[in-house]
Amino acid sequence: MNKLNYWLRWVAVLPGSIIAGFLITFPLHWLLYLSFAQNGTLLGFIELPPRSDIWIEQLLYPFIISITFVYSAYKIAPKYKFKTAILFFLLYFFSWATVVTLSFMKINIANLNLDFSFRTILALLGAFVGLYSAKKTDNQKNNKPSQGN
């Protein structure tokens, strides 16, 4: 790997993870939209009230974004991949803790209504899942038998 490519990948880790986190919402949106298009049922057999796709989508967004944020940092980093995933998990955790603290203090920032809810818990759970996925991938990569000499 040449030096320029190596350093460009390090520079791309944070913006790449943020962009990946937002881009993953499009497939989720279309998956829910297309599955609810079948007579208002989820996956064709689970009946839900009309427009349930909206609250399901809003519930799942923080979970999916946080998984993607941590795991994509693992995938983009050229070296020290799992350590990078831990760093991004910690970055996400401290950001999460700050927002939760502000929501409990009822502080209003830029007219945003910060509320602690089940979505908040799912966001942190997603970050744990992203870190676990990175660890699992790292273990599989490190335990793979060498292919020939």
Protein backbone atom coordinates (compact mmCIF):
# COMPACT_ATOMS: atom_id res chain seq x y z
CA MET A 1 0.00 0.00 0.00
CA ASN A 2 1.55 3.31 -0.98
CA LYS A 3 1.87 6.14 1.52
CA LEU A 4 -0.64 8.47 -0.15
CA ASN A 5 -3.33 5.80 -0.24
CA TYR A 6 -2.57 4.92 3.39
CA TRP A 7 -2.93 8.49 4.64
CA LEU A 8 -5.98 9.22 2.50
CA ARG A 9 -7.72 6.25 4.06
CA TRP A 10 -6.92 7.56 7.53
CA VAL A 11 -8.29 10.97 6.56
CA ALA A 12 -11.42 9.30 5.16
CA VAL A 13 -12.28 7.29 8.28
CA LEU A 14 -14.36 9.92 10.11
CA PRO A 15 -16.16 11.47 7.12
CA GLY A 16 -16.60 8.03 5.56
CA SER A 17 -18.21 6.65 8.71
CA ILE A 18 -20.54 9.62 9.03
CA ILE A 19 -21.54 9.42 5.36
CA ALA A 20 -22.01 5.64 5.57
CA GLY A 21 -24.24 6.10 8.61
CA PHE A 22 -26.53 8.42 6.71
CA LEU A 23 -26.44 6.45 3.44
CA ILE A 24 -27.59 3.27 5.19
CA THR A 25 -30.91 4.97 5.91
CA PHE A 26 -31.88 4.88 2.22
CA PRO A 27 -31.97 1.07 1.91
CA LEU A 28 -33.82 0.88 5.24
CA HIS A 29 -36.38 3.41 4.01
CA TRP A 30 -36.93 1.56 0.73
CA LEU A 31 -37.08 -1.84 2.42
CA LEU A 32 -39.82 -0.63 4.76
CA TYR A 33 -41.58 1.33 2.03
CA LEU A 34 -41.68 -1.63 -0.35
CA SER A 35 -42.63 -4.14 2.33
CA PHE A 36 -45.52 -1.92 3.48
CA ALA A 37 -46.67 -1.39 -0.09
CA GLN A 38 -48.17 -4.89 -0.01
CA ASN A 39 -51.63 -3.98 1.34
CA GLY A 40 -50.27 -2.35 4.49
CA THR A 41 -48.57 -5.45 5.81
CA LEU A 42 -44.98 -5.87 6.85
CA LEU A 43 -43.25 -8.50 4.69
CA GLY A 44 -46.65 -9.56 3.35
CA PHE A 45 -47.98 -11.28 6.48
CA ILE A 46 -47.69 -9.00 9.55
CA GLU A 47 -50.69 -6.66 9.70
CA LEU A 48 -49.97 -3.25 11.21
CA PRO A 49 -51.96 -0.01 11.40
CA PRO A 50 -51.73 2.36 8.43
CA ARG A 51 -48.53 4.43 8.24
CA SER A 52 -46.76 2.22 10.80
CA ASP A 53 -43.76 2.23 8.49
CA ILE A 54 -43.03 5.80 9.58
CA TRP A 55 -42.63 5.07 13.30
CA ILE A 56 -40.83 1.78 12.63
CA GLU A 57 -38.41 3.65 10.39
CA GLN A 58 -37.87 6.39 12.96
CA LEU A 59 -37.32 3.77 15.65
CA LEU A 60 -34.73 1.86 13.63
CA TYR A 61 -32.73 4.82 12.26
CA PRO A 62 -30.55 5.43 15.34
CA PHE A 63 -29.86 1.71 15.71
CA ILE A 64 -28.80 1.21 12.08
CA ILE A 65 -26.82 4.47 11.90
CA SER A 66 -24.79 3.66 15.03
CA ILE A 67 -23.98 0.12 13.83
CA THR A 68 -22.82 1.50 10.50
CA PHE A 69 -20.82 4.34 12.07
CA VAL A 70 -18.69 2.00 14.20
CA TYR A 71 -18.40 -0.88 11.73
CA SER A 72 -17.57 1.30 8.72
CA ALA A 73 -14.73 2.89 10.68
CA TYR A 74 -13.37 -0.64 11.15
CA LYS A 75 -13.66 -1.35 7.43
CA ILE A 76 -12.19 1.96 6.20
CA ALA A 77 -9.18 2.12 8.52
CA PRO A 78 -6.03 0.88 6.75
CA LYS A 79 -4.38 -0.40 9.94
CA TYR A 80 -5.26 -0.89 13.63
CA LYS A 81 -8.80 -1.64 12.53
CA PHE A 82 -10.26 -2.91 15.80
CA LYS A 83 -8.60 -0.14 17.80
CA THR A 84 -10.21 2.31 15.38
CA ALA A 85 -13.59 0.66 15.95
CA ILE A 86 -13.10 1.02 19.71
CA LEU A 87 -12.19 4.68 19.27
CA PHE A 88 -15.29 5.32 17.16
CA PHE A 89 -17.45 3.44 19.65
CA LEU A 90 -16.08 5.68 22.41
CA LEU A 91 -16.65 8.77 20.26
CA TYR A 92 -20.24 7.66 19.68
CA PHE A 93 -20.71 6.78 23.37
CA PHE A 94 -19.48 10.14 24.65
CA SER A 95 -21.62 11.97 22.08
CA TRP A 96 -24.58 9.83 23.14
CA ALA A 97 -23.91 10.50 26.83
CA THR A 98 -23.70 14.25 26.20
CA VAL A 99 -27.03 14.29 24.37
CA VAL A 100 -28.67 12.15 27.05
CA THR A 101 -27.38 14.47 29.76
CA LEU A 102 -28.69 17.50 27.89
CA SER A 103 -32.06 15.81 27.44
CA PHE A 104 -32.36 15.10 31.16
CA MET A 105 -31.41 18.69 31.96
CA LYS A 106 -34.12 19.88 29.53
CA ILE A 107 -31.66 22.12 27.70
CA ASN A 108 -32.93 23.37 24.35
CA ILE A 109 -30.20 23.74 21.71
CA ALA A 110 -31.04 25.36 18.37
CA ASN A 111 -34.74 24.60 18.88
CA LEU A 112 -34.08 20.85 19.02
CA ASN A 113 -36.31 18.92 21.37
CA LEU A 114 -33.99 16.42 23.03
CA ASP A 115 -35.97 13.61 24.65
CA PHE A 116 -34.76 10.39 26.18
CA SER A 117 -36.69 7.52 24.63
CA PHE A 118 -36.42 3.94 23.48
CA ARG A 119 -34.71 5.22 20.33
CA THR A 120 -31.94 6.59 22.54
CA ILE A 121 -31.33 3.16 24.04
CA LEU A 122 -31.40 1.56 20.59
CA ALA A 123 -28.72 4.00 19.41
CA LEU A 124 -26.33 2.86 22.13
CA LEU A 125 -27.25 -0.77 21.56
CA GLY A 126 -26.45 -0.29 17.87
CA ALA A 127 -23.00 1.05 18.71
CA PHE A 128 -22.38 -2.07 20.82
CA VAL A 129 -23.55 -4.26 17.93
CA GLY A 130 -21.21 -2.41 15.56
CA LEU A 131 -18.28 -2.96 17.93
CA TYR A 132 -19.21 -6.61 18.39
CA SER A 133 -19.41 -7.07 14.60
CA ALA A 134 -16.00 -5.47 14.19
CA LYS A 135 -14.55 -7.76 16.89
CA LYS A 136 -16.13 -10.81 15.29
CA THR A 137 -14.78 -9.86 11.85
CA ASP A 138 -11.36 -9.14 13.34
CA ASN A 139 -11.30 -12.54 15.07
CA GLN A 140 -12.30 -14.32 11.87
CA LYS A 141 -9.62 -12.47 9.92
CA ASN A 142 -6.91 -13.23 12.49
CA ASN A 143 -7.88 -16.91 12.92
CA LYS A 144 -8.02 -17.65 9.19
CA PRO A 145 -5.50 -20.36 8.25
CA SER A 146 -2.80 -19.17 5.88
CA GLN A 147 -3.31 -20.08 2.23
CA GLY A 148 -0.14 -21.83 1.08
CA ASN A 149 3.39 -20.50 1.51
